[in-house]
Protein backbone atom coordinates (compact mmCIF):
# COMPACT_ATOMS: atom_id res chain seq x y z
CA MET A 1 -112.84 87.70 -182.56
CA ASN A 2 -110.02 85.50 -183.97
CA MET A 3 -106.39 86.69 -185.40
CA THR A 4 -106.32 86.35 -188.67
CA LYS A 5 -103.14 86.19 -190.73
CA ASN A 6 -102.94 90.29 -191.71
CA MET A 7 -104.99 90.70 -188.45
CA THR A 8 -102.87 93.34 -186.26
CA LYS A 9 -104.65 93.79 -182.48
CA VAL A 10 -104.28 97.53 -181.01
CA LYS A 11 -104.83 97.74 -177.57
CA ILE A 12 -105.13 101.95 -176.81
CA ASP A 13 -104.77 103.22 -173.25
CA GLY A 14 -107.01 106.35 -173.52
CA ASP A 15 -106.04 106.85 -169.92
CA ASN A 16 -102.37 107.38 -170.93
CA ILE A 17 -101.18 109.91 -172.11
CA VAL A 18 -97.51 109.36 -173.60
CA SER A 19 -96.30 113.15 -174.53
CA THR A 20 -98.41 115.90 -176.19
CA ILE A 21 -97.29 115.48 -180.26
CA GLY A 22 -95.16 119.21 -180.24
CA GLU A 23 -95.69 121.27 -183.39
CA GLY A 24 -92.25 121.84 -183.65
CA ILE A 25 -91.71 117.93 -184.98
CA PHE A 26 -93.37 119.00 -188.46
CA GLY A 27 -90.93 121.76 -189.69
CA THR A 28 -88.75 121.56 -193.06
CA PHE A 29 -85.43 122.81 -194.19
CA VAL A 30 -84.21 125.25 -197.23
CA GLU A 31 -80.15 125.14 -197.90
CA HIS A 32 -78.64 126.95 -200.65
CA LEU A 33 -78.21 123.94 -202.00
CA GLY A 34 -79.06 123.23 -205.70
CA ARG A 35 -82.10 124.81 -206.78
CA SER A 36 -83.67 125.35 -203.38
CA VAL A 37 -83.64 128.42 -203.26
CA TYR A 38 -82.87 129.85 -206.88
CA THR A 39 -86.21 128.79 -208.93
CA GLY A 40 -87.45 127.24 -205.90
CA ILE A 41 -88.74 129.43 -203.04
CA TYR A 42 -87.45 132.66 -205.11
CA GLN A 43 -87.77 133.26 -208.85
CA PRO A 44 -88.46 137.09 -209.54
CA ASP A 45 -89.13 136.46 -213.18
CA HIS A 46 -92.02 133.13 -212.58
CA VAL A 47 -95.04 134.60 -213.74
CA THR A 48 -96.13 134.26 -209.97
CA ALA A 49 -93.71 135.51 -208.33
CA ASP A 50 -94.29 138.06 -205.68
CA GLU A 51 -92.94 141.82 -204.94
CA ASP A 52 -90.02 140.12 -202.95
CA GLY A 53 -89.23 137.60 -205.93
CA PHE A 54 -90.55 134.42 -204.45
CA ARG A 55 -92.81 132.06 -206.29
CA GLY A 56 -96.98 132.45 -205.32
CA ASP A 57 -96.95 128.46 -206.25
CA VAL A 58 -94.33 127.49 -204.35
CA ILE A 59 -95.76 130.12 -201.11
CA ALA A 60 -99.40 128.43 -201.60
CA LEU A 61 -98.19 125.01 -201.79
CA THR A 62 -95.59 125.80 -198.48
CA ARG A 63 -98.58 127.32 -196.29
CA LYS A 64 -100.43 123.99 -197.20
CA LEU A 65 -98.32 121.82 -195.68
CA ARG A 66 -98.06 124.06 -192.59
CA PHE A 67 -94.68 123.95 -191.35
CA SER A 68 -93.97 124.73 -187.92
CA HIS A 69 -90.52 126.27 -188.63
CA ILE A 70 -88.09 126.05 -191.62
CA ARG A 71 -84.49 125.67 -191.09
CA TRP A 72 -81.91 127.84 -193.22
CA PRO A 73 -79.48 128.29 -194.56
CA GLY A 74 -77.64 124.86 -194.35
CA GLY A 75 -76.75 122.14 -193.99
CA ASN A 76 -72.91 121.49 -195.34
CA PHE A 77 -73.86 125.21 -196.65
CA VAL A 78 -74.04 127.16 -193.37
CA SER A 79 -70.33 126.42 -192.53
CA GLY A 80 -68.62 129.01 -195.11
CA TYR A 81 -71.33 131.23 -195.15
CA ASP A 82 -70.62 134.62 -194.03
CA TRP A 83 -74.28 136.02 -193.25
CA LYS A 84 -72.96 139.94 -194.01
CA ASP A 85 -72.57 139.00 -197.59
CA ALA A 86 -76.23 138.31 -197.79
CA ILE A 87 -77.74 142.05 -195.96
CA GLY A 88 -78.29 145.27 -197.32
CA PRO A 89 -78.97 146.55 -201.13
CA LYS A 90 -78.77 143.80 -203.12
CA ASN A 91 -76.44 145.47 -205.61
CA GLU A 92 -73.88 146.07 -202.94
CA ARG A 93 -74.06 142.16 -202.17
CA ARG A 94 -71.00 140.33 -202.96
CA ALA A 95 -71.41 136.74 -205.32
CA ARG A 96 -69.19 134.08 -203.58
CA PRO A 97 -67.88 130.85 -204.35
CA ASP A 98 -69.69 128.05 -202.36
CA LEU A 99 -67.24 124.90 -201.66
CA ALA A 100 -69.70 122.74 -200.18
CA TRP A 101 -71.85 122.15 -203.13
CA SER A 102 -69.69 123.54 -205.98
CA GLN A 103 -71.73 126.61 -206.90
CA ILE A 104 -72.30 130.65 -207.23
CA GLU A 105 -74.28 132.06 -204.45
CA PRO A 106 -75.12 135.44 -205.37
CA ASN A 107 -76.53 135.97 -202.18
CA GLU A 108 -79.71 137.74 -203.22
CA VAL A 109 -81.93 135.52 -200.58
CA GLY A 110 -80.27 136.26 -197.35
CA THR A 111 -81.42 136.92 -193.79
CA ALA A 112 -83.99 139.43 -194.12
CA GLU A 113 -85.49 137.50 -197.32
CA PHE A 114 -85.31 134.39 -196.00
CA ALA A 115 -87.10 135.87 -192.69
CA LYS A 116 -90.05 137.83 -194.98
CA PHE A 117 -90.78 134.22 -196.50
CA CYS A 118 -91.62 132.66 -193.83
CA LYS A 119 -93.64 135.40 -192.51
CA LYS A 120 -95.31 134.97 -195.77
CA VAL A 121 -96.27 130.65 -195.64
CA GLY A 122 -96.97 131.38 -191.85
CA SER A 123 -93.47 129.60 -190.66
CA GLU A 124 -90.59 130.44 -187.84
CA VAL A 125 -87.26 130.77 -189.08
CA MET A 126 -84.59 128.03 -187.48
CA MET A 127 -81.69 129.66 -187.95
CA ALA A 128 -77.71 127.96 -188.09
CA ALA A 129 -74.91 129.96 -187.27
CA ASN A 130 -71.53 129.38 -188.73
CA LEU A 131 -68.94 127.41 -186.28
CA GLY A 132 -67.29 126.38 -189.77
CA THR A 133 -65.00 129.42 -190.67
CA GLY A 134 -67.05 131.22 -187.97
CA THR A 135 -66.71 132.47 -184.59
CA PRO A 136 -68.51 132.90 -181.86
CA ARG A 137 -68.43 136.75 -182.27
CA ASP A 138 -70.04 136.39 -185.95
CA ALA A 139 -72.85 133.71 -184.22
CA ALA A 140 -73.50 136.70 -181.91
CA GLU A 141 -73.90 139.66 -184.26
CA LEU A 142 -76.21 137.81 -186.63
CA LEU A 143 -78.39 137.06 -183.33
CA GLU A 144 -77.54 140.85 -182.75
CA TYR A 145 -78.63 141.94 -186.02
CA CYS A 146 -81.67 139.61 -186.31
CA ASN A 147 -83.31 139.86 -182.29
CA PHE A 148 -81.44 143.13 -180.56
CA GLU A 149 -84.40 146.13 -180.74
CA LYS A 150 -82.06 149.03 -181.41
CA GLY A 151 -79.66 150.96 -179.78
CA THR A 152 -76.16 148.97 -181.22
CA TYR A 153 -74.09 148.86 -184.42
CA TYR A 154 -75.72 145.69 -186.06
CA SER A 155 -79.55 146.01 -184.59
CA ASP A 156 -79.34 150.00 -185.93
CA LEU A 157 -77.67 148.22 -189.30
CA ARG A 158 -80.94 146.57 -189.54
CA ARG A 159 -83.04 149.45 -188.92
CA ARG A 160 -81.30 151.10 -191.62
CA HIS A 161 -81.67 148.41 -194.30
CA GLY A 162 -85.46 148.76 -194.47
CA TYR A 163 -86.87 146.65 -190.95
CA GLU A 164 -87.02 148.18 -187.69
CA SER A 165 -88.41 145.65 -185.97
CA PRO A 166 -86.65 142.48 -184.99
CA PHE A 167 -86.96 139.38 -186.22
CA GLY A 168 -87.39 137.57 -183.41
CA ILE A 169 -85.71 134.40 -183.99
CA ARG A 170 -85.86 131.84 -181.66
CA ARG A 171 -84.33 128.87 -182.35
CA TRP A 172 -80.67 128.88 -183.23
CA CYS A 173 -78.41 125.76 -184.46
CA ILE A 174 -74.73 126.48 -183.69
CA GLY A 175 -73.06 124.34 -186.32
CA ASN A 176 -73.45 121.61 -188.73
CA GLU A 177 -72.28 118.08 -188.89
CA MET A 178 -68.47 119.31 -187.36
CA ASP A 179 -67.61 116.10 -186.87
CA GLY A 180 -67.95 115.11 -191.20
CA PRO A 181 -64.88 114.93 -193.10
CA TRP A 182 -67.02 116.79 -196.02
CA GLN A 183 -67.54 119.37 -193.50
CA ILE A 184 -65.72 122.96 -193.82
CA CYS A 185 -63.39 123.29 -191.19
CA MET A 186 -64.41 120.17 -189.70
CA GLN A 187 -63.41 119.64 -185.63
CA THR A 188 -62.99 117.48 -183.30
CA ALA A 189 -65.24 116.74 -180.42
CA ASP A 190 -62.80 119.08 -177.53
CA GLU A 191 -62.54 121.62 -180.83
CA TYR A 192 -65.98 121.87 -181.53
CA GLY A 193 -67.08 121.58 -177.43
CA ARG A 194 -65.27 124.26 -176.34
CA LYS A 195 -66.36 126.88 -179.54
CA ALA A 196 -69.82 125.51 -179.25
CA LEU A 197 -70.03 126.33 -175.23
CA GLU A 198 -68.62 129.90 -175.79
CA THR A 199 -70.65 130.88 -178.77
CA ALA A 200 -73.87 129.79 -176.69
CA LYS A 201 -72.70 131.75 -173.38
CA MET A 202 -72.01 134.77 -175.81
CA MET A 203 -75.57 134.49 -177.81
CA LYS A 204 -77.55 133.52 -174.44
CA TRP A 205 -76.33 136.72 -172.57
CA LEU A 206 -77.37 138.82 -175.58
CA ASP A 207 -80.75 137.07 -175.98
CA PRO A 208 -81.96 134.22 -173.07
CA THR A 209 -85.34 133.64 -174.46
CA ILE A 210 -83.46 131.34 -177.42
CA GLU A 211 -82.93 128.17 -177.48
CA LEU A 212 -80.01 126.17 -178.88
CA VAL A 213 -79.45 123.25 -180.61
CA ALA A 214 -75.69 121.74 -180.05
CA THR A 215 -74.16 119.95 -183.35
CA GLY A 216 -74.48 115.88 -182.48
CA SER A 217 -72.95 113.79 -184.89
CA SER A 218 -73.40 113.70 -188.14
CA GLY A 219 -75.11 110.26 -188.10
CA TRP A 220 -75.99 107.46 -186.23
CA LEU A 221 -73.07 105.25 -188.73
CA MET A 222 -70.38 107.39 -188.08
CA PRO A 223 -67.88 106.10 -185.98
CA SER A 224 -67.99 109.20 -183.49
CA CYS A 225 -71.30 108.50 -182.67
CA PRO A 226 -72.26 108.84 -179.73
CA GLU A 227 -69.50 109.64 -178.33
CA TRP A 228 -68.77 112.57 -179.76
CA ASP A 229 -72.57 113.77 -178.51
CA ARG A 230 -71.72 113.12 -174.87
CA LYS A 231 -68.85 115.14 -175.41
CA ILE A 232 -70.37 117.73 -176.42
CA LEU A 233 -73.20 118.34 -173.74
CA GLU A 234 -70.54 117.65 -171.29
CA TYR A 235 -69.16 121.23 -172.59
CA THR A 236 -72.45 122.55 -173.46
CA TYR A 237 -74.98 120.71 -171.01
CA SER A 238 -75.29 123.89 -169.27
CA HIS A 239 -76.25 126.30 -172.13
CA VAL A 240 -78.00 124.33 -174.76
CA ASP A 241 -81.57 122.89 -175.02
CA TYR A 242 -81.39 120.26 -177.97
CA ILE A 243 -78.57 117.92 -179.10
CA SER A 244 -79.42 117.32 -182.95
CA LEU A 245 -79.42 113.89 -185.24
CA HIS A 246 -79.41 113.24 -188.68
CA ARG A 247 -80.30 110.22 -190.51
CA TYR A 248 -81.51 109.43 -194.48
CA TYR A 249 -82.66 106.10 -195.84
CA PHE A 250 -82.25 104.75 -199.42
CA CYS A 251 -82.50 102.07 -201.02
CA GLU A 252 -80.16 100.61 -204.03
CA ASP A 253 -82.64 98.43 -205.81
CA LYS A 254 -85.70 98.28 -205.11
CA ASN A 255 -86.65 95.35 -207.37
CA ASP A 256 -84.29 93.44 -204.97
CA ARG A 257 -86.68 91.71 -202.22
CA LYS A 258 -84.18 91.78 -199.53
CA LYS A 259 -83.14 95.23 -200.55
CA PHE A 260 -86.45 96.31 -200.13
CA ASN A 261 -87.60 94.77 -196.97
CA ASP A 262 -84.63 96.86 -195.38
CA PHE A 263 -85.77 99.98 -196.70
CA LEU A 264 -89.17 99.11 -195.40
CA CYS A 265 -87.69 98.58 -191.62
CA SER A 266 -85.24 101.52 -192.01
CA SER A 267 -87.91 102.96 -188.68
CA ALA A 268 -86.52 99.78 -186.38
CA ASP A 269 -82.67 101.45 -187.34
CA MET A 270 -84.26 105.49 -185.97
CA ASP A 271 -85.87 103.92 -183.50
CA ARG A 272 -82.48 102.56 -181.87
CA TYR A 273 -81.02 105.61 -183.25
CA ILE A 274 -83.21 108.17 -181.03
CA ARG A 275 -82.73 105.77 -178.15
CA ALA A 276 -79.34 106.06 -178.10
CA ILE A 277 -78.82 109.69 -177.86
CA VAL A 278 -81.46 109.91 -175.22
CA SER A 279 -79.31 107.58 -173.17
CA THR A 280 -76.31 109.55 -173.49
CA ALA A 281 -78.48 113.18 -173.16
CA ASP A 282 -79.57 111.23 -170.11
CA TYR A 283 -76.13 110.40 -168.99
CA VAL A 284 -74.74 113.81 -168.92
CA LYS A 285 -77.46 114.76 -167.12
CA ALA A 286 -76.85 112.65 -164.40
CA LEU A 287 -73.20 113.43 -164.72
CA LYS A 288 -73.50 117.08 -164.18
CA ARG A 289 -76.21 116.23 -161.26
CA GLY A 290 -78.42 118.62 -163.45
CA LYS A 291 -81.92 119.01 -163.54
CA LYS A 292 -82.81 119.46 -167.28
CA ASP A 293 -83.80 116.98 -169.98
CA ILE A 294 -81.60 117.76 -172.93
CA MET A 295 -83.89 117.12 -176.08
CA LEU A 296 -83.61 116.16 -179.57
CA SER A 297 -83.96 117.80 -182.47
CA PHE A 298 -84.15 115.28 -185.60
CA ASP A 299 -83.41 118.53 -187.82
CA GLU A 300 -81.99 116.31 -190.85
CA TYR A 301 -84.14 113.34 -192.41
CA ASN A 302 -85.59 111.93 -195.48
CA VAL A 303 -85.20 108.98 -197.99
CA TRP A 304 -82.24 109.78 -200.74
CA GLU A 305 -81.06 108.55 -204.04
CA ASP A 306 -77.93 110.17 -204.02
CA LYS A 307 -77.04 111.89 -207.53
CA ALA A 308 -73.88 113.25 -208.44
CA ALA A 309 -73.57 116.79 -209.77
CA ASP A 310 -72.03 116.85 -213.25
CA ASP A 311 -69.55 118.36 -214.01
CA HIS A 312 -70.45 120.71 -216.51
CA ASP A 313 -72.99 121.77 -214.06
CA LEU A 314 -70.45 123.51 -211.55
CA TRP A 315 -70.33 126.71 -210.15
CA THR A 316 -73.21 128.01 -211.66
CA VAL A 317 -76.07 129.89 -209.67
CA GLY A 318 -78.98 127.20 -208.55
CA PRO A 319 -77.75 124.27 -210.40
CA ARG A 320 -79.53 120.82 -210.18
CA ARG A 321 -78.51 119.20 -207.20
CA GLN A 322 -79.87 115.83 -205.40
CA GLU A 323 -83.24 116.15 -207.21
CA ASN A 324 -84.61 112.89 -206.27
CA ILE A 325 -88.12 112.30 -207.70
CA TYR A 326 -89.58 110.08 -204.81
CA ASP A 327 -92.35 107.07 -205.83
CA LEU A 328 -95.44 105.60 -202.86
CA ALA A 329 -92.43 103.47 -201.82
CA ASP A 330 -89.99 106.25 -200.69
CA ALA A 331 -93.13 108.03 -199.14
CA LEU A 332 -94.54 104.73 -197.26
CA VAL A 333 -90.81 104.68 -195.68
CA LEU A 334 -91.26 108.44 -194.37
CA ALA A 335 -94.42 108.09 -192.90
CA SER A 336 -92.77 105.25 -190.79
CA MET A 337 -89.62 107.63 -190.27
CA MET A 338 -92.19 110.60 -189.08
CA MET A 339 -94.34 107.80 -186.64
CA THR A 340 -90.92 107.30 -185.13
CA LEU A 341 -90.60 110.87 -184.35
CA ILE A 342 -93.93 111.42 -183.12
CA GLU A 343 -93.70 108.20 -180.94
CA HIS A 344 -91.05 109.53 -179.32
CA SER A 345 -92.14 113.14 -178.65
CA ASP A 346 -91.44 112.93 -175.48
CA ARG A 347 -87.81 113.84 -176.06
CA VAL A 348 -87.86 114.47 -179.92
CA LYS A 349 -89.20 118.36 -179.89
CA LEU A 350 -88.09 119.59 -182.74
CA ALA A 351 -87.63 117.74 -186.22
CA CYS A 352 -86.92 119.19 -190.05
CA LEU A 353 -87.66 116.99 -193.00
CA ALA A 354 -85.16 117.82 -195.46
CA GLN A 355 -86.03 119.61 -197.61
CA LEU A 356 -88.40 121.98 -198.91
CA ILE A 357 -88.25 122.11 -202.54
CA ASN A 358 -86.30 120.45 -205.41
CA ALA A 359 -82.77 119.28 -203.52
CA LEU A 360 -84.34 116.20 -201.47
CA GLY A 361 -88.08 118.52 -201.89
CA MET A 362 -91.47 117.75 -200.69
CA ILE A 363 -92.08 120.40 -203.38
CA PHE A 364 -90.99 120.25 -207.20
CA THR A 365 -90.26 123.40 -209.25
CA GLU A 366 -89.48 123.52 -212.86
CA PRO A 367 -87.32 126.17 -214.06
CA GLY A 368 -88.38 129.17 -216.78
CA ARG A 369 -91.12 131.99 -216.63
CA GLU A 370 -94.21 129.57 -216.58
CA GLY A 371 -92.89 126.65 -214.71
CA ARG A 372 -95.18 125.09 -212.85
CA SER A 373 -94.77 123.21 -209.49
CA CYS A 374 -96.43 119.93 -207.75
CA LEU A 375 -95.86 118.34 -204.00
CA GLN A 376 -93.96 115.06 -204.71
CA THR A 377 -95.11 111.96 -202.78
CA ILE A 378 -93.63 112.24 -199.59
CA ALA A 379 -95.42 115.18 -199.00
CA TYR A 380 -98.71 113.40 -198.44
CA PRO A 381 -98.08 111.37 -195.92
CA PHE A 382 -95.90 115.23 -193.97
CA LEU A 383 -100.00 116.20 -194.88
CA ILE A 384 -101.66 113.04 -192.98
CA LEU A 385 -99.34 112.75 -190.11
CA ARG A 386 -99.78 116.52 -189.82
CA ASN A 387 -102.82 116.42 -188.17
CA CYS A 388 -101.78 115.56 -185.13
CA GLY A 389 -99.86 117.95 -184.00
CA GLY A 390 -101.09 119.44 -180.56
CA GLU A 391 -102.79 116.28 -179.37
CA LYS A 392 -102.03 114.17 -177.17
CA LEU A 393 -100.28 110.88 -178.16
CA LEU A 394 -101.72 107.89 -176.24
CA TYR A 395 -100.19 105.04 -174.93
CA GLN A 396 -100.55 101.44 -177.08
CA ARG A 397 -99.83 97.57 -177.06
CA THR A 398 -99.71 96.22 -179.98
CA SER A 399 -99.34 92.17 -181.40
CA GLY A 400 -100.22 91.16 -184.63
CA PRO A 401 -97.72 90.00 -188.24
CA LEU A 402 -94.36 91.59 -188.04
CA LEU A 403 -92.31 92.69 -191.19
CA GLN A 404 -88.65 90.95 -191.07
CA SER A 405 -85.61 92.82 -192.34
CA GLU A 406 -81.65 91.69 -192.59
CA GLN A 407 -80.19 94.97 -191.94
CA TYR A 408 -82.53 96.93 -189.43
CA GLY A 409 -84.78 94.03 -187.39
CA GLU A 410 -88.00 93.47 -187.32
CA VAL A 411 -91.29 95.85 -187.73
CA SER A 412 -94.88 96.09 -187.61
CA ALA A 413 -96.75 94.90 -190.55
CA VAL A 414 -99.03 97.34 -189.54
CA LYS A 415 -97.84 100.60 -187.72
CA THR A 416 -100.05 102.18 -185.55
CA LEU A 417 -100.34 105.21 -183.19
CA ALA A 418 -103.20 106.95 -181.73
CA SER A 419 -104.23 110.61 -180.56
CA TYR A 420 -106.39 112.13 -178.67
CA ASN A 421 -108.02 115.96 -179.28
CA GLU A 422 -109.11 117.06 -176.36
CA GLU A 423 -110.80 120.52 -177.39
CA SER A 424 -112.82 118.94 -179.98
CA GLY A 425 -113.05 115.16 -178.20
CA GLN A 426 -111.90 113.42 -181.04
CA ILE A 427 -109.31 110.58 -181.52
CA ARG A 428 -106.71 109.73 -184.45
CA VAL A 429 -105.65 106.69 -185.03
CA PHE A 430 -103.26 106.41 -188.20
CA ALA A 431 -102.04 102.54 -190.06
CA LEU A 432 -99.09 102.16 -192.31
CA ASN A 433 -99.37 99.20 -194.09
CA LEU A 434 -96.36 98.23 -195.20
CA THR A 435 -97.41 94.97 -197.40
CA ALA A 436 -98.76 94.77 -200.73
CA GLU A 437 -101.66 92.25 -198.60
CA LYS A 438 -104.80 94.34 -197.23
CA ALA A 439 -105.46 93.87 -193.53
CA GLN A 440 -107.33 94.30 -190.80
CA VAL A 441 -106.65 96.57 -187.31
CA ASN A 442 -108.43 95.05 -184.46
CA LEU A 443 -108.86 98.42 -182.13
CA ASN A 444 -109.62 98.23 -178.81
CA ILE A 445 -110.51 102.04 -176.95
CA SER A 446 -111.70 100.69 -173.74
CA ALA A 447 -111.55 104.22 -171.53
CA PHE A 448 -113.74 105.36 -174.03
CA SER A 449 -117.80 103.30 -173.90
CA LYS A 450 -118.65 104.86 -177.36
CA LEU A 451 -116.99 105.99 -180.31
CA ARG A 452 -118.70 107.36 -183.68
CA LEU A 453 -115.62 106.67 -186.95
CA VAL A 454 -116.50 110.18 -188.78
CA GLU A 455 -113.81 109.98 -191.31
CA LYS A 456 -111.56 108.28 -193.22
CA SER A 457 -108.38 109.52 -194.79
CA GLU A 458 -106.52 107.26 -197.16
CA TYR A 459 -103.40 107.85 -199.21
CA ILE A 460 -102.63 104.64 -201.39
CA GLY A 461 -101.36 103.84 -204.88
CA ASN A 462 -98.88 102.03 -207.12
CA LEU A 463 -95.57 101.49 -205.04
CA LYS A 464 -93.85 103.21 -208.41
CA ASP A 465 -95.88 105.86 -208.50
CA LYS A 466 -94.61 109.23 -208.86
CA ASN A 467 -95.85 112.72 -209.00
CA VAL A 468 -94.84 114.96 -211.47
CA CYS A 469 -95.62 118.27 -212.68
CA GLY A 470 -98.44 118.14 -214.93
CA ALA A 471 -98.97 114.75 -213.48
CA GLU A 472 -100.14 113.36 -210.35
CA PRO A 473 -101.70 109.76 -209.93
CA CYS A 474 -101.38 109.75 -205.94
CA GLY A 475 -103.65 111.65 -203.70
CA ILE A 476 -105.23 111.63 -200.36
CA VAL A 477 -108.78 110.02 -200.62
CA ARG A 478 -111.38 111.51 -197.52
CA THR A 479 -114.56 109.50 -197.10
CA ALA A 480 -116.91 110.64 -194.32
CA GLU A 481 -117.62 107.24 -192.44
CA ASN A 482 -120.68 106.27 -190.02
CA SER A 483 -119.86 103.61 -187.88
CA VAL A 484 -120.65 103.07 -184.04
CA PHE A 485 -117.64 101.65 -182.05
CA GLU A 486 -119.73 99.74 -178.60
CA ASP A 487 -117.56 99.85 -176.11
CA GLY A 488 -114.51 101.50 -177.67
CA ASN A 489 -113.94 97.79 -179.85
CA GLY A 490 -114.20 97.91 -183.75
CA VAL A 491 -112.75 96.75 -186.97
CA VAL A 492 -110.65 99.02 -189.90
CA ALA A 493 -109.28 97.37 -193.12
CA VAL A 494 -106.60 99.31 -194.16
CA SER A 495 -105.07 98.42 -198.07
CA PRO A 496 -102.30 97.17 -199.37
CA TYR A 497 -99.14 99.94 -199.46
CA SER A 498 -101.29 102.75 -197.41
CA LEU A 499 -101.34 105.26 -194.88
CA THR A 500 -104.65 106.01 -193.40
CA MET A 501 -106.12 108.40 -190.75
CA PHE A 502 -108.94 107.42 -188.64
CA VAL A 503 -110.70 109.53 -186.99
CA PHE A 504 -113.51 108.84 -184.26
CA SER A 505 -115.84 110.69 -182.37
CA VAL A 506 -116.49 110.61 -178.43
CA LEU A 507 -119.77 109.80 -178.18
């Protein structure tokens, strides 16, 4: 078939496995920011609240999204957080001013409560330890409280609090964005590197089974990146498993074609960031004559529209903070970011879409006893791409039209990836159309002599469509298909501004 203006050719090598797409890529993040916790996941007076005060409607939506893990409690919040304020009887807990977000933290939801929430929604806890105001000893004592069975002060204290079995938390972030001037107790690379090293030693000595994430630079645009990451890994290489990355993208004016094109091409920048940190980690491995690869934990990413707090909203419990209402354009960019993470799944083993609820949330809730809840637009690409978790990422070569961006460079107008499920014998092809025109994708999966297209799931709408409680115009449309691709060749159509998953059975 001749190449046309809107034709993308994709040759998928069914014999060439890039990596296994780890379940850990499909995580999220709950920080004590705005209404993420109070009137978010936790609202005892809500009509759906369970015996622990968690909103039943939120539990149902969170279970639907099937997160592998949830990072908690921060974020910037963690650098001033004392976990001991939020354990034991609630009437004995101390409310504190949270300097990170200028709000009051009542400490009604602490370590035990969040572990219980994660169990209800079927996700693991990814715990963040305070390396701002906190010390290595504080982090080790928190680990003792969570994971040590019995016979020590903090493990027995947990048991007296009603939790005989350890929480068994496997993954731990040691600090958060410590090179950021906005961070409580910001540190130099040498200050944090030494502190992180001693924290990691103590924690691994206490529980050798845990995995540790060292705090990388706060972001790709920081002048300290990637030099910060190099220094931190030189201190911690022998004791940690991951280095963290954080990145958010935004568009100041979606009506401005140039700025909107930059926004649509954000994933090109994310790709360069990942490659830079992989190179940095590999340099340290060579310097240390090491045998292990440091993996990447992209534990904060999303699209973002900055929203300043109102003065009258300061120093209250659960104020409105960063409550972005996302549209379809945001969802498309989020999809391109997720696909980039999956493309790098040989080294990106953990990721957290920031955040779960209300503040930059995939879920939005209304406060009040009968407040409603809904999935935002950015939740739907997550739902579609979540299907490839645990499958094999297939190597592909793509040619076709490109989308040009002044700020970030160029990306494929139709971005694709393919995964293979060895158990079911199914191949999934994901196609993200970042243009206003219908496009065709010429697929060549020649390793398989015959394929049947059995299902098509499409997320589509108008660019400005938003999902709000009571009105959800955007959704996933699933249709049964029944067309045969001889010699693994065929053409599929993708709608303008859409994300589509094609499911093939091998015949």
